[in-house]
């Protein structure tokens, strides 16, 4: 290691003194770097499964190469378009609700009743810690056609009971809005933190100029947290073809499978939930999803940089 020069110090600092001074910082990096390498980079070695005739009974190195065979199989699958559309529909629907956490953060920031604000914050954070299994069980109970909460409320207004889980037109809304209820408060935390960094002098100057609360939000708060919002939006667009299979499978049944089958659940079913697991085929499907997500991430990042000057890199 060559000698280093500290800022403002003309004398070089040799590697022993450098480690003595900054060694603790390097030690702090060991665990996160190890996690990153073991769980993020090392698994990339397994990408080659998507291009091989892999069987679980033989080592991966001994499997013969299959080229793009499994990608072609997925692209020519008769339900390919339907599965991709279901995935996109759920994600685009979820993306439309993305600003709700920002709106909640703005409301909580400007409400004058601090005790009420704290109560709302606590109530909105709690659902985040509910497991997916419990959440889906709650959705199934609430939508029960006999004694579910939704049908009890509809019955008060004279509406006949509806079997929500048996009618495919309700699946997207149940999936998305149950997720909004679970994550809305937790997702607003980063916006609340960003709004706390807005200079009070800007609000004071706006008040002196006669601006009301709406104009202060529009001309002070939103421009101040726009970079944070755009970065989160870019990252969200980078997972446009990613929908977790757990919640889908827990809410899925034979009556709504036409609209509930997404790429992740299809990949899960062919790899782990079938009589003859197809790991190579499943890996190809997963790699296709990852490539599309990377393309979307780069594209949206470039577009954001051109339009708003905000980007991840």
Protein backbone atom coordinates (compact mmCIF):
# COMPACT_ATOMS: atom_id res chain seq x y z
CA UNK A 1 0.00 0.00 0.00
CA UNK A 2 1.45 3.36 -0.96
CA UNK A 3 1.73 6.26 1.41
CA UNK A 4 -1.32 8.50 1.66
CA UNK A 5 -1.56 12.26 2.10
CA UNK A 6 -4.23 13.66 4.38
CA UNK A 7 -6.17 16.77 3.28
CA UNK A 8 -4.46 19.86 4.60
CA UNK A 9 -1.36 17.86 5.56
CA UNK A 10 1.66 17.83 3.29
CA UNK A 11 3.31 14.91 5.06
CA UNK A 12 2.48 11.46 3.62
CA UNK A 13 0.77 8.98 5.91
CA UNK A 14 2.18 5.44 5.62
CA UNK A 15 -0.14 2.42 5.57
CA UNK A 16 0.50 1.50 9.23
CA UNK A 17 -0.56 4.92 10.49
CA UNK A 18 -3.43 4.95 8.02
CA UNK A 19 -4.77 1.63 9.36
CA UNK A 20 -4.22 2.78 12.94
CA UNK A 21 -6.35 5.84 12.28
CA UNK A 22 -9.02 4.42 9.96
CA UNK A 23 -8.89 0.69 10.76
CA UNK A 24 -12.18 0.79 12.67
CA UNK A 25 -13.98 2.10 9.59
CA UNK A 26 -12.60 -0.72 7.45
CA UNK A 27 -13.72 -3.25 10.09
CA UNK A 28 -17.24 -1.80 9.96
CA UNK A 29 -17.29 -2.54 6.22
CA UNK A 30 -16.48 -6.24 6.60
CA UNK A 31 -19.97 -7.47 7.54
CA UNK A 32 -21.98 -5.47 4.94
CA UNK A 33 -19.43 -6.30 2.23
CA UNK A 34 -19.57 -10.00 3.17
CA UNK A 35 -23.37 -9.96 3.02
CA UNK A 36 -23.26 -8.20 -0.35
CA UNK A 37 -20.78 -10.69 -1.82
CA UNK A 38 -22.35 -13.86 -0.37
CA UNK A 39 -26.00 -13.08 -1.03
CA UNK A 40 -25.83 -10.77 -4.08
CA UNK A 41 -22.73 -11.46 -6.16
CA UNK A 42 -21.92 -15.11 -5.50
CA UNK A 43 -25.44 -16.30 -6.49
CA UNK A 44 -24.84 -14.75 -9.93
CA UNK A 45 -22.71 -17.81 -10.62
CA UNK A 46 -25.95 -19.76 -10.80
CA UNK A 47 -27.26 -17.67 -13.73
CA UNK A 48 -25.73 -20.25 -16.05
CA UNK A 49 -28.49 -22.68 -15.00
CA UNK A 50 -30.81 -20.76 -17.34
CA UNK A 51 -28.60 -21.79 -20.28
CA UNK A 52 -28.07 -25.44 -19.29
CA UNK A 53 -30.06 -28.67 -19.20
CA UNK A 54 -29.71 -28.70 -15.44
CA UNK A 55 -31.00 -31.47 -13.22
CA UNK A 56 -30.88 -31.38 -9.44
CA UNK A 57 -29.39 -34.89 -9.39
CA UNK A 58 -26.17 -33.79 -11.12
CA UNK A 59 -23.59 -31.04 -10.50
CA UNK A 60 -24.23 -27.84 -12.41
CA UNK A 61 -20.81 -28.03 -14.10
CA UNK A 62 -21.71 -31.37 -15.71
CA UNK A 63 -24.98 -30.19 -17.23
CA UNK A 64 -24.96 -29.73 -21.00
CA UNK A 65 -25.53 -26.32 -22.56
CA UNK A 66 -29.03 -25.60 -23.86
CA UNK A 67 -28.48 -22.11 -25.27
CA UNK A 68 -31.66 -20.03 -25.40
CA UNK A 69 -33.93 -23.08 -25.35
CA UNK A 70 -35.74 -22.19 -22.12
CA UNK A 71 -36.18 -18.53 -23.07
CA UNK A 72 -37.80 -19.61 -26.31
CA UNK A 73 -39.99 -22.02 -24.37
CA UNK A 74 -41.23 -19.19 -22.16
CA UNK A 75 -41.79 -16.77 -25.06
CA UNK A 76 -43.82 -19.36 -26.98
CA UNK A 77 -45.84 -20.47 -23.94
CA UNK A 78 -49.52 -20.02 -24.76
CA UNK A 79 -50.15 -17.93 -21.63
CA UNK A 80 -47.00 -15.80 -21.94
CA UNK A 81 -48.87 -12.62 -22.90
CA UNK A 82 -51.47 -13.09 -20.17
CA UNK A 83 -48.86 -13.67 -17.45
CA UNK A 84 -46.79 -10.64 -18.48
CA UNK A 85 -49.92 -8.48 -18.70
CA UNK A 86 -51.10 -9.55 -15.24
CA UNK A 87 -47.68 -8.66 -13.82
CA UNK A 88 -47.66 -5.28 -15.54
CA UNK A 89 -51.27 -4.53 -14.58
CA UNK A 90 -50.64 -5.14 -10.88
CA UNK A 91 -47.44 -3.10 -10.91
CA UNK A 92 -48.91 -0.19 -12.88
CA UNK A 93 -51.93 -0.17 -10.56
CA UNK A 94 -49.55 -0.12 -7.57
CA UNK A 95 -47.48 2.61 -9.23
CA UNK A 96 -50.60 4.78 -9.48
CA UNK A 97 -50.87 4.66 -5.67
CA UNK A 98 -47.18 5.55 -5.21
CA UNK A 99 -47.79 9.28 -4.36
CA UNK A 100 -50.19 8.39 -1.51
CA UNK A 101 -47.36 7.98 0.99
CA UNK A 102 -46.09 11.46 0.05
CA UNK A 103 -49.58 12.91 0.51
CA UNK A 104 -49.84 11.26 3.94
CA UNK A 105 -46.44 12.67 4.93
CA UNK A 106 -47.48 16.18 3.86
CA UNK A 107 -50.73 15.91 5.84
CA UNK A 108 -48.97 14.68 8.98
CA UNK A 109 -46.32 17.37 8.70
CA UNK A 110 -48.80 20.26 8.50
CA UNK A 111 -51.47 19.08 10.94
CA UNK A 112 -51.35 21.24 14.08
CA UNK A 113 -52.60 18.56 16.51
CA UNK A 114 -49.38 16.75 17.36
CA UNK A 115 -50.99 14.10 19.59
CA UNK A 116 -53.38 13.20 16.81
CA UNK A 117 -50.47 13.08 14.35
CA UNK A 118 -48.53 10.67 16.57
CA UNK A 119 -51.59 8.46 16.96
CA UNK A 120 -52.09 8.35 13.17
CA UNK A 121 -48.41 7.60 12.63
CA UNK A 122 -48.43 4.70 15.07
CA UNK A 123 -51.65 3.30 13.62
CA UNK A 124 -50.31 3.53 10.06
CA UNK A 125 -46.92 1.93 10.90
CA UNK A 126 -48.34 -1.16 12.63
CA UNK A 127 -49.70 -2.94 9.49
CA UNK A 128 -46.18 -3.03 8.03
CA UNK A 129 -45.18 -5.57 10.68
CA UNK A 130 -48.04 -7.94 9.85
CA UNK A 131 -46.83 -10.99 7.93
CA UNK A 132 -48.08 -11.67 4.40
CA UNK A 133 -49.86 -14.83 5.61
CA UNK A 134 -51.79 -12.93 8.27
CA UNK A 135 -52.60 -10.11 5.85
CA UNK A 136 -54.00 -12.52 3.26
CA UNK A 137 -56.00 -14.29 5.96
CA UNK A 138 -57.50 -10.93 6.93
CA UNK A 139 -58.38 -10.19 3.29
CA UNK A 140 -60.09 -13.57 2.96
CA UNK A 141 -62.03 -12.99 6.18
CA UNK A 142 -63.09 -9.46 5.24
CA UNK A 143 -64.30 -10.62 1.80
CA UNK A 144 -66.13 -13.69 3.04
CA UNK A 145 -69.55 -13.69 1.29
CA UNK A 146 -71.37 -14.85 4.44
CA UNK A 147 -69.97 -12.91 7.37
CA UNK A 148 -67.17 -10.80 5.93
CA UNK A 149 -66.85 -7.16 7.00
CA UNK A 150 -67.17 -5.84 3.44
CA UNK A 151 -70.43 -7.71 2.84
CA UNK A 152 -71.82 -6.69 6.22
CA UNK A 153 -71.25 -3.04 5.28
CA UNK A 154 -72.77 -3.60 1.83
CA UNK A 155 -75.76 -5.32 3.47
CA UNK A 156 -76.48 -2.17 5.47
CA UNK A 157 -77.06 -0.37 2.17
CA UNK A 158 -79.16 -3.18 0.78
CA UNK A 159 -76.50 -4.64 -1.53
CA UNK A 160 -76.47 -8.39 -2.04
CA UNK A 161 -73.38 -10.29 -0.74
CA UNK A 162 -70.49 -10.47 -3.21
CA UNK A 163 -67.95 -13.27 -3.37
CA UNK A 164 -65.00 -11.01 -4.08
CA UNK A 165 -62.42 -13.78 -4.32
CA UNK A 166 -64.49 -15.69 -6.87
CA UNK A 167 -64.80 -12.74 -9.26
CA UNK A 168 -61.61 -11.93 -11.13
CA UNK A 169 -62.43 -8.24 -11.66
CA UNK A 170 -61.85 -7.59 -7.94
CA UNK A 171 -58.45 -9.29 -7.64
CA UNK A 172 -56.24 -6.37 -8.71
CA UNK A 173 -57.96 -3.95 -6.33
CA UNK A 174 -57.83 -6.37 -3.40
CA UNK A 175 -54.15 -7.05 -4.02
CA UNK A 176 -53.11 -3.42 -4.47
CA UNK A 177 -55.20 -1.74 -1.79
CA UNK A 178 -54.37 -4.33 0.86
CA UNK A 179 -50.73 -3.52 0.07
CA UNK A 180 -51.42 0.21 0.33
CA UNK A 181 -53.00 -0.30 3.76
CA UNK A 182 -50.02 -2.35 4.91
CA UNK A 183 -47.20 -0.13 3.59
CA UNK A 184 -48.63 3.40 3.38
CA UNK A 185 -47.51 4.60 6.81
CA UNK A 186 -44.13 2.89 6.70
CA UNK A 187 -43.34 4.28 3.23
CA UNK A 188 -44.16 7.80 4.41
CA UNK A 189 -41.32 7.76 6.95
CA UNK A 190 -38.67 8.75 4.41
CA UNK A 191 -40.82 11.65 3.20
CA UNK A 192 -41.45 12.83 6.75
CA UNK A 193 -37.69 12.78 7.34
CA UNK A 194 -37.11 14.73 4.11
CA UNK A 195 -39.78 17.29 5.03
CA UNK A 196 -38.13 17.75 8.43
CA UNK A 197 -35.06 18.99 6.55
CA UNK A 198 -36.95 21.76 4.76
CA UNK A 199 -35.77 25.12 6.07
CA UNK A 200 -38.41 26.83 8.28
CA UNK A 201 -37.21 30.16 6.87
CA UNK A 202 -38.68 29.25 3.50
CA UNK A 203 -42.11 28.70 5.09
CA UNK A 204 -41.78 31.91 7.09
CA UNK A 205 -40.95 33.87 3.95
CA UNK A 206 -43.91 32.29 2.14
CA UNK A 207 -46.25 33.20 5.01
CA UNK A 208 -45.00 36.79 4.94
CA UNK A 209 -45.78 36.86 1.21
CA UNK A 210 -49.33 35.75 1.98
CA UNK A 211 -49.07 32.14 0.83
CA UNK A 212 -51.58 29.70 2.24
CA UNK A 213 -50.83 26.15 3.24
CA UNK A 214 -51.57 24.75 -0.24
CA UNK A 215 -49.21 27.18 -1.94
CA UNK A 216 -46.54 26.52 0.70
CA UNK A 217 -46.79 22.81 0.03
CA UNK A 218 -46.67 23.32 -3.74
CA UNK A 219 -43.88 25.91 -3.87
CA UNK A 220 -41.77 24.98 -0.80
CA UNK A 221 -42.27 21.38 0.30
CA UNK A 222 -42.64 19.61 -3.02
CA UNK A 223 -39.60 21.22 -4.73
CA UNK A 224 -37.52 20.43 -1.63
CA UNK A 225 -38.38 16.72 -1.55
CA UNK A 226 -38.70 16.21 -5.32
CA UNK A 227 -35.21 14.60 -5.59
CA UNK A 228 -36.16 12.07 -2.90
CA UNK A 229 -39.48 11.33 -4.58
CA UNK A 230 -37.87 10.88 -8.01
CA UNK A 231 -35.18 8.52 -6.74
CA UNK A 232 -37.80 6.34 -5.02
CA UNK A 233 -39.95 6.44 -8.15
CA UNK A 234 -37.01 5.37 -10.33
CA UNK A 235 -36.27 2.46 -8.02
CA UNK A 236 -39.93 1.48 -8.05
CA UNK A 237 -40.01 1.52 -11.85
CA UNK A 238 -36.93 -0.71 -11.78
CA UNK A 239 -39.09 -3.52 -10.41
CA UNK A 240 -41.95 -3.15 -12.86
CA UNK A 241 -42.00 -6.86 -13.68
CA UNK A 242 -41.46 -8.01 -10.10
CA UNK A 243 -44.46 -9.10 -8.06
CA UNK A 244 -43.88 -11.26 -5.00
CA UNK A 245 -45.31 -14.75 -5.42
CA UNK A 246 -46.25 -15.21 -1.73
CA UNK A 247 -49.22 -12.87 -1.65
CA UNK A 248 -50.39 -13.89 -5.12
CA UNK A 249 -50.39 -17.59 -4.28
CA UNK A 250 -52.14 -17.02 -0.95
CA UNK A 251 -54.95 -15.05 -2.65
CA UNK A 252 -55.07 -17.19 -5.77
CA UNK A 253 -57.76 -19.75 -6.51
CA UNK A 254 -59.10 -21.57 -9.54
CA UNK A 255 -61.70 -18.85 -10.17
CA UNK A 256 -59.34 -15.88 -10.30
CA UNK A 257 -56.20 -17.60 -11.64
CA UNK A 258 -56.72 -16.05 -15.07
CA UNK A 259 -55.84 -12.61 -13.68
CA UNK A 260 -53.75 -13.62 -10.67
CA UNK A 261 -51.07 -15.69 -12.40
CA UNK A 262 -47.94 -13.51 -12.58
CA UNK A 263 -44.36 -14.23 -13.62
CA UNK A 264 -43.19 -14.88 -10.05
CA UNK A 265 -46.00 -17.31 -9.23
CA UNK A 266 -45.56 -19.10 -12.57
CA UNK A 267 -41.83 -19.45 -11.92
CA UNK A 268 -42.53 -20.76 -8.41
CA UNK A 269 -45.04 -23.31 -9.65
CA UNK A 270 -42.79 -24.77 -12.35
CA UNK A 271 -39.75 -24.95 -10.05
CA UNK A 272 -41.04 -25.96 -6.61
CA UNK A 273 -44.74 -26.71 -6.86
CA UNK A 274 -44.80 -29.27 -9.62
CA UNK A 275 -44.26 -33.01 -9.91
CA UNK A 276 -41.16 -32.53 -12.09
CA UNK A 277 -39.27 -29.39 -11.01
CA UNK A 278 -37.88 -27.40 -13.95
CA UNK A 279 -35.10 -25.35 -12.33
CA UNK A 280 -33.42 -24.38 -15.60
CA UNK A 281 -36.70 -23.15 -17.07
CA UNK A 282 -37.53 -21.26 -13.87
CA UNK A 283 -34.08 -19.63 -13.85
CA UNK A 284 -34.58 -18.48 -17.44
CA UNK A 285 -37.92 -16.91 -16.50
CA UNK A 286 -36.30 -15.16 -13.52
CA UNK A 287 -33.39 -13.91 -15.63
CA UNK A 288 -35.80 -12.52 -18.22
CA UNK A 289 -37.60 -10.61 -15.47
CA UNK A 290 -34.32 -9.22 -14.10
CA UNK A 291 -33.14 -8.06 -17.53
CA UNK A 292 -36.39 -6.22 -18.21
CA UNK A 293 -36.22 -4.59 -14.77
CA UNK A 294 -32.65 -3.41 -15.42
CA UNK A 295 -33.68 -1.96 -18.79
CA UNK A 296 -36.61 -0.15 -17.15
CA UNK A 297 -34.39 1.17 -14.36
CA UNK A 298 -31.80 2.58 -16.78
CA UNK A 299 -34.49 4.03 -19.07
CA UNK A 300 -36.49 5.74 -16.32
CA UNK A 301 -33.29 7.01 -14.70
CA UNK A 302 -32.18 8.54 -18.03
CA UNK A 303 -35.62 10.08 -18.59
CA UNK A 304 -35.71 11.54 -15.08
CA UNK A 305 -32.25 13.00 -15.52
CA UNK A 306 -33.32 14.69 -18.75
CA UNK A 307 -36.61 16.06 -17.42
CA UNK A 308 -35.89 16.87 -13.76
CA UNK A 309 -32.08 16.63 -13.40
CA UNK A 310 -32.66 14.02 -10.68
CA UNK A 311 -31.20 10.55 -11.09
CA UNK A 312 -29.60 7.68 -9.20
CA UNK A 313 -26.33 8.08 -11.09
